[in-house]
């Protein structure tokens, strides 16, 4: 047993000279900076299970930064690359972030992503943020930066006044002007039904003015102006839950940015598409956008077709109805997948990743019997990834008898293209809400796909929503404990067939303590 080393002390800024040469006493303090930086960049923002309660910033990185001056110097620039602020975080977190990057322009240049929750004040004369923590020096910096961004005095005064009152939009607008290397913007909890009390001021419109100015700078190629947001390539807007609706005009302000490549919107309605005259402009095109994701509530096929026609170069498309976290009354399912495919027919040479989902919560078979789908993706030669539900993938004819609902299903091998590399099929558990699972040929269809693997030479991965156990002290389980839509014998048979044809079955690995077993039999807990 090695004797204790009296030179090892906690919270040292540097490793003690010579300690690295003593066998068995290598610590994190002995690791070179370049290796530490590589490790630090892989620290996640938050654990997946903590998503709903995560506060702003990265807790693991902040704790590491407090260990020593050396770690603080290494972590601080990385910590400021991504700012995360939601309704569970301290209210003034965004104000503290603003004052920090005002005082440290070097940190402002490090910011690459901003995730913030849209926050509204309850009074017409006061926003949700308390500005008493902003000292005189920071107020001088605020006025100076606003003057640099906006040259009209009346607008500058309204902007500064809006910040002083603690309103979200003018504060975020200023933050955007201070972060020239910004790449990602995520505005959550947007509510178009909310109306700011009192008369509209420039401070309330400052965010859209800032984005509009960046667009003009990019179009005019004024590359030396830092207000052009030249690196902004991804935007997500919308509401993450609840019954509010999102006006797609908000997204229009961003997709016109030449630098933008990824656009996502949640809870979109079609009223803005059909009523706003800008959508009917025949010259309106967003050739720069390569990835589009829309979670809709009441978008009609005609409005959807007109909207998608403005994106000629998409290689990734996600079209979803509803959300798994909310069961809205009156949600319209995807009435015709064929009409969706007609809307994206111009994307056949480019589309590589397609997601088609109906995420509404339905309890009876009558919702499924309203589907009438006959469609195929075989004419999309570039498609490599497909994420959809079982009912969307195979199609259902109208039938008056629930027992015969699935008798006219399309064969899966006649739907997917030969270029497909990755296939994910969701919502097998919802089949139980329709009828007895044994009347639905899920097992037979998957076996048919594997038996005809020669028709899909690129297929490498199959994801059916299965789960397996993971362990800390031994290899993870190879067999699943959860396999919705299959019996245990069928699941093991499918696994064996996958191995025969060299197709990987993608299974989520979970600890046994976190696994949930249903009494229906489709989710089976295997012994340790």
Protein backbone atom coordinates (compact mmCIF):
# COMPACT_ATOMS: atom_id res chain seq x y z
CA UNK A 1 0.00 0.00 0.00
CA UNK A 2 1.41 3.40 -0.96
CA UNK A 3 2.04 5.84 1.91
CA UNK A 4 -0.09 9.00 1.95
CA UNK A 5 1.30 11.89 -0.03
CA UNK A 6 1.48 14.99 2.21
CA UNK A 7 1.82 17.25 -0.80
CA UNK A 8 -1.69 16.59 -2.15
CA UNK A 9 -4.05 19.40 -1.15
CA UNK A 10 -7.59 20.20 -2.19
CA UNK A 11 -8.48 23.06 -4.56
CA UNK A 12 -4.97 23.70 -5.82
CA UNK A 13 -4.66 25.96 -8.80
CA UNK A 14 -1.77 23.86 -10.10
CA UNK A 15 -0.59 20.33 -9.49
CA UNK A 16 2.18 20.09 -6.89
CA UNK A 17 5.54 19.67 -8.53
CA UNK A 18 6.54 16.04 -8.71
CA UNK A 19 3.19 14.54 -7.79
CA UNK A 20 2.66 13.25 -11.33
CA UNK A 21 5.77 11.10 -11.02
CA UNK A 22 4.47 9.20 -7.99
CA UNK A 23 2.68 5.98 -9.09
CA UNK A 24 -0.99 5.88 -8.15
CA UNK A 25 -1.30 9.58 -7.36
CA UNK A 26 -2.29 11.00 -10.75
CA UNK A 27 -5.15 13.49 -10.32
CA UNK A 28 -7.17 15.76 -12.56
CA UNK A 29 -4.71 18.54 -11.72
CA UNK A 30 -2.00 16.65 -13.61
CA UNK A 31 -3.95 16.49 -16.88
CA UNK A 32 -2.68 18.95 -19.54
CA UNK A 33 -4.94 21.86 -20.46
CA UNK A 34 -5.59 20.66 -24.01
CA UNK A 35 -6.92 17.30 -22.75
CA UNK A 36 -9.02 18.99 -20.06
CA UNK A 37 -10.57 21.29 -22.66
CA UNK A 38 -11.50 18.28 -24.77
CA UNK A 39 -13.18 16.64 -21.75
CA UNK A 40 -14.95 19.84 -20.69
CA UNK A 41 -16.54 20.28 -24.11
CA UNK A 42 -18.24 16.90 -23.73
CA UNK A 43 -19.94 17.79 -20.43
CA UNK A 44 -23.71 17.83 -21.16
CA UNK A 45 -25.84 20.89 -20.40
CA UNK A 46 -28.19 18.82 -18.27
CA UNK A 47 -29.31 15.25 -17.73
CA UNK A 48 -32.19 14.19 -19.97
CA UNK A 49 -34.42 13.41 -16.99
CA UNK A 50 -33.85 16.91 -15.58
CA UNK A 51 -35.01 18.79 -18.68
CA UNK A 52 -38.17 20.18 -17.06
CA UNK A 53 -36.38 21.61 -14.02
CA UNK A 54 -33.00 22.66 -15.40
CA UNK A 55 -32.01 26.20 -14.50
CA UNK A 56 -29.96 28.50 -16.68
CA UNK A 57 -26.37 27.62 -17.40
CA UNK A 58 -24.54 24.31 -17.12
CA UNK A 59 -24.46 23.17 -13.51
CA UNK A 60 -21.64 20.66 -13.96
CA UNK A 61 -19.42 23.22 -15.65
CA UNK A 62 -20.20 25.91 -13.09
CA UNK A 63 -19.24 23.58 -10.26
CA UNK A 64 -16.01 22.68 -12.03
CA UNK A 65 -15.21 26.36 -12.57
CA UNK A 66 -15.39 26.93 -8.80
CA UNK A 67 -12.75 24.31 -8.02
CA UNK A 68 -9.69 26.41 -8.78
CA UNK A 69 -8.50 29.43 -10.72
CA UNK A 70 -7.02 27.18 -13.37
CA UNK A 71 -10.35 25.43 -13.96
CA UNK A 72 -12.17 28.77 -13.93
CA UNK A 73 -9.94 30.09 -16.70
CA UNK A 74 -10.51 26.94 -18.76
CA UNK A 75 -14.25 26.62 -18.18
CA UNK A 76 -15.44 30.23 -18.38
CA UNK A 77 -15.13 30.69 -22.17
CA UNK A 78 -16.88 27.36 -22.79
CA UNK A 79 -19.56 28.11 -20.21
CA UNK A 80 -20.57 31.25 -22.10
CA UNK A 81 -20.88 29.50 -25.45
CA UNK A 82 -24.43 28.43 -24.59
CA UNK A 83 -26.87 30.40 -22.44
CA UNK A 84 -29.94 28.52 -21.19
CA UNK A 85 -32.72 30.28 -19.32
CA UNK A 86 -36.24 28.97 -18.69
CA UNK A 87 -39.17 29.47 -16.34
CA UNK A 88 -37.49 27.36 -13.64
CA UNK A 89 -34.39 29.57 -13.56
CA UNK A 90 -33.99 32.66 -11.36
CA UNK A 91 -36.00 35.43 -12.99
CA UNK A 92 -33.09 37.85 -13.25
CA UNK A 93 -30.73 35.35 -14.83
CA UNK A 94 -31.11 36.95 -18.25
CA UNK A 95 -30.39 40.41 -16.78
CA UNK A 96 -27.25 39.11 -15.08
CA UNK A 97 -26.19 37.56 -18.39
CA UNK A 98 -26.68 40.91 -20.14
CA UNK A 99 -24.61 42.85 -17.62
CA UNK A 100 -21.86 40.23 -17.77
CA UNK A 101 -21.38 40.31 -21.53
CA UNK A 102 -21.60 44.12 -21.47
CA UNK A 103 -18.64 44.21 -19.10
CA UNK A 104 -16.78 41.40 -20.89
CA UNK A 105 -16.95 41.77 -24.70
CA UNK A 106 -14.56 38.83 -24.99
CA UNK A 107 -17.21 36.58 -23.42
CA UNK A 108 -19.91 38.09 -25.66
CA UNK A 109 -17.92 36.94 -28.67
CA UNK A 110 -17.90 33.40 -27.27
CA UNK A 111 -21.71 33.10 -27.21
CA UNK A 112 -22.95 30.68 -29.86
CA UNK A 113 -26.42 29.70 -28.62
CA UNK A 114 -29.18 31.40 -26.63
CA UNK A 115 -32.15 29.44 -25.25
CA UNK A 116 -34.62 31.67 -23.44
CA UNK A 117 -38.25 31.56 -22.40
CA UNK A 118 -40.44 34.42 -23.62
CA UNK A 119 -41.59 36.23 -20.48
CA UNK A 120 -44.45 38.71 -20.26
CA UNK A 121 -45.15 41.34 -17.64
CA UNK A 122 -48.44 41.50 -15.75
CA UNK A 123 -48.61 45.30 -15.73
CA UNK A 124 -48.55 47.73 -18.69
CA UNK A 125 -45.91 49.86 -16.98
CA UNK A 126 -43.55 47.13 -15.78
CA UNK A 127 -41.87 44.09 -17.31
CA UNK A 128 -41.10 40.80 -15.55
CA UNK A 129 -37.43 41.55 -14.83
CA UNK A 130 -36.06 43.55 -11.93
CA UNK A 131 -33.43 46.04 -13.16
CA UNK A 132 -32.25 47.37 -9.79
CA UNK A 133 -29.20 45.09 -10.03
CA UNK A 134 -27.92 47.12 -13.01
CA UNK A 135 -25.41 49.69 -11.76
CA UNK A 136 -24.57 53.05 -13.30
CA UNK A 137 -21.60 51.71 -15.26
CA UNK A 138 -23.76 49.06 -16.89
CA UNK A 139 -26.46 51.61 -17.70
CA UNK A 140 -23.85 53.70 -19.46
CA UNK A 141 -22.81 50.62 -21.45
CA UNK A 142 -26.44 49.84 -22.31
CA UNK A 143 -27.06 53.34 -23.67
CA UNK A 144 -23.81 53.25 -25.62
CA UNK A 145 -24.56 49.86 -27.25
CA UNK A 146 -28.13 50.85 -28.09
CA UNK A 147 -26.80 54.03 -29.73
CA UNK A 148 -24.39 51.94 -31.82
CA UNK A 149 -27.18 49.67 -33.01
CA UNK A 150 -29.91 52.28 -33.60
CA UNK A 151 -29.30 55.77 -34.98
CA UNK A 152 -32.79 57.26 -34.54
CA UNK A 153 -32.97 59.08 -31.22
CA UNK A 154 -36.66 58.44 -30.55
CA UNK A 155 -36.15 54.71 -31.17
CA UNK A 156 -33.06 54.66 -28.97
CA UNK A 157 -34.95 56.29 -26.12
CA UNK A 158 -37.85 53.83 -26.41
CA UNK A 159 -35.41 50.91 -26.51
CA UNK A 160 -33.52 52.02 -23.40
CA UNK A 161 -36.77 52.78 -21.63
CA UNK A 162 -38.07 49.28 -22.42
CA UNK A 163 -34.92 47.77 -20.93
CA UNK A 164 -35.27 49.96 -17.86
CA UNK A 165 -38.84 48.73 -17.37
CA UNK A 166 -37.64 45.13 -17.51
CA UNK A 167 -39.39 43.97 -20.70
CA UNK A 168 -38.17 40.78 -22.37
CA UNK A 169 -38.04 41.87 -26.03
CA UNK A 170 -35.77 44.95 -25.72
CA UNK A 171 -33.42 43.05 -23.37
CA UNK A 172 -33.08 40.09 -25.76
CA UNK A 173 -32.72 42.45 -28.73
CA UNK A 174 -29.73 44.10 -27.07
CA UNK A 175 -28.19 40.73 -26.20
CA UNK A 176 -28.41 39.72 -29.85
CA UNK A 177 -26.56 42.86 -30.96
CA UNK A 178 -23.77 42.07 -28.47
CA UNK A 179 -23.17 38.50 -29.69
CA UNK A 180 -21.76 38.66 -33.23
CA UNK A 181 -20.90 34.94 -33.36
CA UNK A 182 -24.40 33.75 -32.44
CA UNK A 183 -25.39 30.53 -34.24
CA UNK A 184 -28.56 29.28 -32.49
CA UNK A 185 -31.66 31.10 -31.18
CA UNK A 186 -34.41 29.28 -29.27
CA UNK A 187 -37.43 31.27 -28.03
CA UNK A 188 -39.80 29.09 -26.04
CA UNK A 189 -43.33 29.77 -24.72
CA UNK A 190 -44.24 32.21 -27.46
CA UNK A 191 -47.87 33.28 -27.14
CA UNK A 192 -49.47 35.22 -29.97
CA UNK A 193 -52.70 35.54 -28.01
CA UNK A 194 -50.95 37.74 -25.48
CA UNK A 195 -51.26 41.48 -26.14
CA UNK A 196 -48.93 43.89 -24.38
CA UNK A 197 -51.11 46.42 -22.50
CA UNK A 198 -50.91 50.02 -23.59
CA UNK A 199 -49.64 51.57 -26.85
CA UNK A 200 -47.03 49.74 -28.91
CA UNK A 201 -43.56 51.26 -28.60
CA UNK A 202 -40.32 50.71 -30.47
CA UNK A 203 -38.98 48.90 -27.42
CA UNK A 204 -41.63 46.21 -27.90
CA UNK A 205 -40.67 45.90 -31.57
CA UNK A 206 -36.91 46.16 -31.08
CA UNK A 207 -36.34 42.42 -31.48
CA UNK A 208 -37.96 42.34 -34.92
CA UNK A 209 -36.17 45.54 -35.89
CA UNK A 210 -32.85 43.93 -34.91
CA UNK A 211 -33.56 40.85 -37.02
CA UNK A 212 -34.69 43.03 -39.93
CA UNK A 213 -31.51 45.07 -39.74
CA UNK A 214 -29.41 41.90 -39.77
CA UNK A 215 -31.27 40.73 -42.87
CA UNK A 216 -30.54 43.98 -44.72
CA UNK A 217 -26.87 43.82 -43.76
CA UNK A 218 -26.62 40.24 -45.02
CA UNK A 219 -28.41 41.01 -48.28
CA UNK A 220 -26.16 44.04 -48.86
CA UNK A 221 -23.10 41.90 -47.86
CA UNK A 222 -21.83 44.43 -45.34
CA UNK A 223 -19.63 41.74 -43.82
CA UNK A 224 -17.65 44.11 -41.60
CA UNK A 225 -20.75 45.13 -39.63
CA UNK A 226 -21.03 42.89 -36.51
CA UNK A 227 -24.80 43.49 -36.31
CA UNK A 228 -25.37 41.26 -39.36
CA UNK A 229 -25.65 38.00 -37.34
CA UNK A 230 -23.57 36.35 -40.02
CA UNK A 231 -23.30 33.01 -38.25
CA UNK A 232 -26.94 32.63 -37.18
CA UNK A 233 -28.02 29.40 -38.86
CA UNK A 234 -30.67 27.86 -36.58
CA UNK A 235 -33.88 29.24 -35.05
CA UNK A 236 -36.62 27.57 -33.01
CA UNK A 237 -39.77 29.43 -32.03
CA UNK A 238 -43.06 28.48 -30.49
CA UNK A 239 -44.83 27.09 -27.49
CA UNK A 240 -43.63 23.86 -25.84
CA UNK A 241 -46.99 22.99 -24.32
CA UNK A 242 -50.49 24.20 -23.54
CA UNK A 243 -53.26 25.38 -25.83
CA UNK A 244 -51.71 28.55 -27.24
CA UNK A 245 -51.08 29.01 -30.93
CA UNK A 246 -48.06 30.30 -32.77
CA UNK A 247 -48.31 32.71 -35.68
CA UNK A 248 -45.96 31.55 -38.40
CA UNK A 249 -45.23 35.16 -39.36
CA UNK A 250 -42.76 35.12 -36.47
CA UNK A 251 -40.78 32.49 -38.35
CA UNK A 252 -41.00 34.47 -41.58
CA UNK A 253 -38.81 37.20 -40.08
CA UNK A 254 -36.01 34.66 -39.58
CA UNK A 255 -36.20 32.44 -42.67
CA UNK A 256 -35.55 35.50 -44.82
CA UNK A 257 -32.07 35.72 -43.27
CA UNK A 258 -29.64 34.42 -45.94
CA UNK A 259 -27.51 32.76 -43.24
CA UNK A 260 -30.36 30.68 -41.78
CA UNK A 261 -30.31 26.96 -42.60
CA UNK A 262 -32.53 25.41 -39.89
CA UNK A 263 -36.00 26.65 -38.90
CA UNK A 264 -38.32 25.03 -36.33
CA UNK A 265 -41.75 26.16 -35.14
CA UNK A 266 -44.18 24.60 -32.64
CA UNK A 267 -47.97 24.91 -32.58
CA UNK A 268 -48.33 26.65 -35.91
CA UNK A 269 -51.76 27.63 -37.17
CA UNK A 270 -52.75 28.25 -40.77
CA UNK A 271 -54.50 31.57 -40.33
CA UNK A 272 -51.33 33.56 -40.88
CA UNK A 273 -50.42 31.54 -43.97
CA UNK A 274 -53.79 32.03 -45.63
CA UNK A 275 -54.35 35.64 -44.58
CA UNK A 276 -50.92 37.22 -44.88
CA UNK A 277 -50.39 38.50 -48.42
CA UNK A 278 -46.64 37.93 -48.20
CA UNK A 279 -47.18 34.17 -48.48
CA UNK A 280 -48.84 34.68 -51.89
CA UNK A 281 -45.81 36.47 -53.36
CA UNK A 282 -44.69 34.26 -56.25
CA UNK A 283 -41.09 35.43 -55.84
CA UNK A 284 -40.88 34.51 -52.16
CA UNK A 285 -38.28 31.73 -51.83
CA UNK A 286 -36.10 30.53 -48.96
CA UNK A 287 -33.41 28.66 -50.85
CA UNK A 288 -31.00 29.00 -47.93
CA UNK A 289 -33.10 26.85 -45.56
CA UNK A 290 -32.05 23.19 -45.58
CA UNK A 291 -33.97 21.91 -42.53
CA UNK A 292 -37.59 22.70 -41.64
CA UNK A 293 -39.59 21.38 -38.68
CA UNK A 294 -43.26 22.26 -38.08
CA UNK A 295 -45.50 21.05 -35.28
CA UNK A 296 -48.95 22.19 -36.36
CA UNK A 297 -52.45 22.37 -34.90
CA UNK A 298 -54.82 23.32 -37.69
CA UNK A 299 -52.87 23.70 -40.92
CA UNK A 300 -54.94 22.82 -43.98
CA UNK A 301 -53.34 20.84 -46.85
CA UNK A 302 -53.65 23.77 -49.26
CA UNK A 303 -51.96 26.22 -46.87
CA UNK A 304 -49.29 23.66 -46.09
CA UNK A 305 -48.60 23.06 -49.79
CA UNK A 306 -48.30 26.79 -50.46
CA UNK A 307 -45.94 27.22 -47.54
CA UNK A 308 -43.66 24.30 -48.43
CA UNK A 309 -43.41 25.51 -52.01
CA UNK A 310 -41.28 28.40 -50.73
CA UNK A 311 -38.49 26.01 -49.67
CA UNK A 312 -36.89 24.56 -52.82
CA UNK A 313 -33.76 23.02 -51.28
CA UNK A 314 -34.86 21.19 -48.11
CA UNK A 315 -32.94 18.04 -47.25
CA UNK A 316 -34.62 17.58 -43.83
CA UNK A 317 -38.34 17.96 -43.16
CA UNK A 318 -40.37 17.25 -40.02
CA UNK A 319 -44.16 17.62 -40.17
CA UNK A 320 -46.03 16.75 -36.99
CA UNK A 321 -49.53 17.27 -35.66
CA UNK A 322 -49.98 18.03 -31.97
CA UNK A 323 -47.63 17.06 -29.19
CA UNK A 324 -47.21 14.05 -26.90
CA UNK A 325 -47.46 16.28 -23.84
CA UNK A 326 -50.90 17.68 -24.66
CA UNK A 327 -54.22 16.21 -25.76
CA UNK A 328 -56.00 18.99 -27.61
CA UNK A 329 -59.67 18.69 -28.42
CA UNK A 330 -60.37 18.97 -32.11
CA UNK A 331 -56.86 18.23 -33.36
CA UNK A 332 -56.90 17.50 -37.06
CA UNK A 333 -54.81 14.44 -37.99
CA UNK A 334 -52.84 14.27 -41.20
CA UNK A 335 -55.86 13.72 -43.42
CA UNK A 336 -53.89 12.71 -46.47
CA UNK A 337 -50.24 11.81 -46.48
CA UNK A 338 -50.54 11.80 -50.26
CA UNK A 339 -51.25 15.54 -50.23
CA UNK A 340 -48.20 16.08 -48.05
CA UNK A 341 -46.03 14.18 -50.50
CA UNK A 342 -47.48 16.18 -53.38
CA UNK A 343 -46.48 19.33 -51.50
CA UNK A 344 -42.86 18.16 -51.33
CA UNK A 345 -42.62 16.54 -54.76
CA UNK A 346 -40.22 19.28 -55.79
CA UNK A 347 -37.84 18.02 -53.07
CA UNK A 348 -37.39 14.50 -54.46
CA UNK A 349 -33.78 15.07 -55.60
CA UNK A 350 -32.78 16.67 -52.28
CA UNK A 351 -34.82 15.24 -49.37
CA UNK A 352 -32.68 12.97 -47.19
CA UNK A 353 -34.45 13.00 -43.81
CA UNK A 354 -38.25 12.90 -43.46
CA UNK A 355 -40.41 12.83 -40.31
CA UNK A 356 -44.20 12.44 -40.52
CA UNK A 357 -45.95 12.18 -37.16
CA UNK A 358 -49.41 12.40 -35.67
CA UNK A 359 -48.65 13.04 -32.00
CA UNK A 360 -52.22 13.66 -30.84
CA UNK A 361 -53.48 11.54 -27.95
CA UNK A 362 -56.29 9.37 -29.28
CA UNK A 363 -58.17 6.85 -27.14
CA UNK A 364 -60.46 5.01 -29.55
CA UNK A 365 -60.18 3.37 -32.93
CA UNK A 366 -62.63 5.79 -34.57
CA UNK A 367 -59.86 8.40 -34.96
CA UNK A 368 -57.72 5.94 -36.88
CA UNK A 369 -60.52 4.80 -39.15
CA UNK A 370 -60.75 8.33 -40.59
CA UNK A 371 -57.41 7.84 -42.34
CA UNK A 372 -57.44 7.07 -46.03
CA UNK A 373 -53.87 6.69 -47.25
CA UNK A 374 -52.36 5.17 -50.34
CA UNK A 375 -48.87 6.54 -50.81
CA UNK A 376 -45.26 5.53 -51.29
CA UNK A 377 -41.84 7.09 -50.82
CA UNK A 378 -40.22 4.91 -53.47
CA UNK A 379 -39.93 7.94 -55.77
CA UNK A 380 -37.63 9.76 -53.32
CA UNK A 381 -34.21 8.42 -54.37
CA UNK A 382 -32.16 10.47 -51.90
CA UNK A 383 -34.15 9.61 -48.75
CA UNK A 384 -31.90 8.01 -46.12
CA UNK A 385 -33.81 8.50 -42.82
CA UNK A 386 -37.52 8.04 -42.15
CA UNK A 387 -39.23 8.67 -38.78
CA UNK A 388 -42.97 8.03 -38.61
CA UNK A 389 -45.75 6.12 -36.85
CA UNK A 390 -47.01 2.66 -37.73
CA UNK A 391 -50.39 3.88 -38.93
CA UNK A 392 -48.93 6.63 -41.10
CA UNK A 393 -46.40 4.25 -42.57
CA UNK A 394 -48.75 1.43 -43.59
CA UNK A 395 -52.05 3.28 -44.15
CA UNK A 396 -55.60 2.48 -43.10
CA UNK A 397 -58.77 2.27 -45.19
CA UNK A 398 -62.19 3.37 -43.97
CA UNK A 399 -64.06 0.44 -42.49
CA UNK A 400 -67.25 0.28 -40.47
CA UNK A 401 -66.07 -2.69 -38.42
CA UNK A 402 -63.17 -2.10 -36.04
CA UNK A 403 -61.99 -5.70 -36.42
CA UNK A 404 -61.37 -5.14 -40.14
CA UNK A 405 -59.71 -1.76 -39.83
CA UNK A 406 -56.28 -3.11 -40.73
CA UNK A 407 -57.13 -5.59 -43.45
CA UNK A 408 -56.17 -3.17 -46.26
CA UNK A 409 -52.83 -2.06 -44.87
CA UNK A 410 -50.03 -1.38 -47.32
CA UNK A 411 -47.00 -3.63 -47.13
CA UNK A 412 -44.09 -1.82 -45.57
CA UNK A 413 -41.76 -2.94 -48.38
CA UNK A 414 -43.94 -1.09 -50.89
CA UNK A 415 -43.77 2.19 -48.97
CA UNK A 416 -40.12 2.82 -48.13
CA UNK A 417 -37.46 3.66 -50.77
CA UNK A 418 -34.50 1.42 -51.54
CA UNK A 419 -32.09 4.18 -50.47
CA UNK A 420 -33.26 4.09 -46.83
CA UNK A 421 -30.52 3.63 -44.20
CA UNK A 422 -32.41 4.28 -40.93
CA UNK A 423 -36.08 3.57 -40.17
CA UNK A 424 -37.88 4.55 -36.98
CA UNK A 425 -41.50 3.49 -36.40
CA UNK A 426 -43.29 4.92 -33.35
CA UNK A 427 -46.48 4.50 -31.34
CA UNK A 428 -46.94 0.73 -31.35
CA UNK A 429 -48.48 1.13 -27.90
CA UNK A 430 -51.34 3.15 -29.41
CA UNK A 431 -52.44 0.09 -31.34
CA UNK A 432 -53.85 -1.25 -28.08
CA UNK A 433 -56.30 1.63 -28.05
CA UNK A 434 -57.61 0.44 -31.40
CA UNK A 435 -57.96 -3.31 -31.04
CA UNK A 436 -56.26 -6.44 -29.80
CA UNK A 437 -52.64 -6.30 -30.93
CA UNK A 438 -52.75 -9.87 -32.23
CA UNK A 439 -55.14 -8.81 -35.02
CA UNK A 440 -52.58 -6.31 -36.34
CA UNK A 441 -49.82 -7.77 -38.59
CA UNK A 442 -46.97 -5.81 -37.04
CA UNK A 443 -44.76 -8.86 -36.56
CA UNK A 444 -45.45 -10.16 -40.07
CA UNK A 445 -44.66 -6.81 -41.68
CA UNK A 446 -41.30 -6.46 -39.91
CA UNK A 447 -40.37 -10.03 -40.88
CA UNK A 448 -41.34 -9.22 -44.47
CA UNK A 449 -39.03 -6.20 -44.43
CA UNK A 450 -36.12 -8.26 -43.10
CA UNK A 451 -36.80 -11.11 -45.49
CA UNK A 452 -36.61 -8.70 -48.42
CA UNK A 453 -33.53 -6.89 -47.14
CA UNK A 454 -31.94 -7.35 -50.58
CA UNK A 455 -34.36 -4.69 -51.88
CA UNK A 456 -32.94 -2.23 -49.34
CA UNK A 457 -29.17 -2.72 -49.43
CA UNK A 458 -28.47 0.55 -47.56
CA UNK A 459 -30.70 -0.29 -44.55
CA UNK A 460 -28.49 -0.47 -41.45
CA UNK A 461 -30.66 0.49 -38.45
CA UNK A 462 -34.22 -0.24 -37.33
CA UNK A 463 -35.86 1.51 -34.35
CA UNK A 464 -39.19 0.12 -33.10
CA UNK A 465 -39.18 1.80 -29.70
CA UNK A 466 -37.75 -1.18 -27.82
CA UNK A 467 -35.82 -0.84 -24.56
CA UNK A 468 -33.17 -2.94 -22.84
CA UNK A 469 -31.46 -2.89 -19.46
CA UNK A 470 -28.10 -1.26 -18.84
CA UNK A 471 -25.73 -2.12 -16.02
CA UNK A 472 -22.72 -0.45 -14.47
CA UNK A 473 -20.85 -3.63 -13.54
CA UNK A 474 -21.44 -5.84 -16.59
CA UNK A 475 -22.33 -5.60 -20.30
CA UNK A 476 -25.75 -4.27 -21.16
CA UNK A 477 -28.52 -6.75 -21.89
CA UNK A 478 -28.75 -7.83 -25.52
CA UNK A 479 -32.45 -8.70 -25.32
CA UNK A 480 -35.22 -6.13 -24.78
CA UNK A 481 -37.54 -5.98 -21.81
CA UNK A 482 -39.97 -3.65 -23.58
CA UNK A 483 -41.23 -4.43 -27.08
CA UNK A 484 -44.65 -2.82 -27.77
CA UNK A 485 -46.63 -4.53 -30.51
CA UNK A 486 -44.80 -7.85 -30.14
CA UNK A 487 -44.84 -10.87 -27.89
CA UNK A 488 -41.57 -11.88 -26.25
CA UNK A 489 -41.17 -14.80 -28.64
CA UNK A 490 -41.77 -12.54 -31.64
CA UNK A 491 -39.30 -9.94 -30.38
CA UNK A 492 -36.54 -12.53 -29.99
CA UNK A 493 -37.31 -13.87 -33.47
CA UNK A 494 -37.06 -10.36 -34.96
CA UNK A 495 -33.71 -9.83 -33.21
CA UNK A 496 -32.39 -13.07 -34.67
CA UNK A 497 -33.52 -12.06 -38.16
CA UNK A 498 -31.84 -8.66 -37.75
CA UNK A 499 -28.55 -10.34 -36.96
CA UNK A 500 -28.89 -12.59 -40.01
CA UNK A 501 -29.27 -9.67 -42.42
CA UNK A 502 -26.86 -7.30 -40.58
CA UNK A 503 -29.47 -4.78 -39.45
CA UNK A 504 -28.95 -3.15 -36.04
CA UNK A 505 -31.99 -3.01 -33.78
CA UNK A 506 -31.74 0.35 -32.00
CA UNK A 507 -32.85 0.00 -28.38
CA UNK A 508 -32.86 2.61 -25.62
CA UNK A 509 -30.76 1.45 -22.66
CA UNK A 510 -32.28 2.19 -19.23
CA UNK A 511 -31.46 1.17 -15.68
CA UNK A 512 -33.83 -1.41 -14.24
CA UNK A 513 -34.86 0.92 -11.43
CA UNK A 514 -36.19 3.38 -14.05
CA UNK A 515 -38.00 0.77 -16.18
CA UNK A 516 -41.79 0.67 -16.21
CA UNK A 517 -43.76 -2.54 -16.76
CA UNK A 518 -47.33 -2.49 -18.04
CA UNK A 519 -49.93 -5.06 -17.03
CA UNK A 520 -50.96 -5.61 -20.64
CA UNK A 521 -47.98 -7.83 -21.36
CA UNK A 522 -46.44 -5.74 -24.12
CA UNK A 523 -43.86 -4.32 -21.70
CA UNK A 524 -42.13 -7.27 -20.07
CA UNK A 525 -39.56 -7.05 -17.26
CA UNK A 526 -36.87 -9.67 -17.61
CA UNK A 527 -35.15 -11.10 -14.50
CA UNK A 528 -31.78 -9.75 -13.44
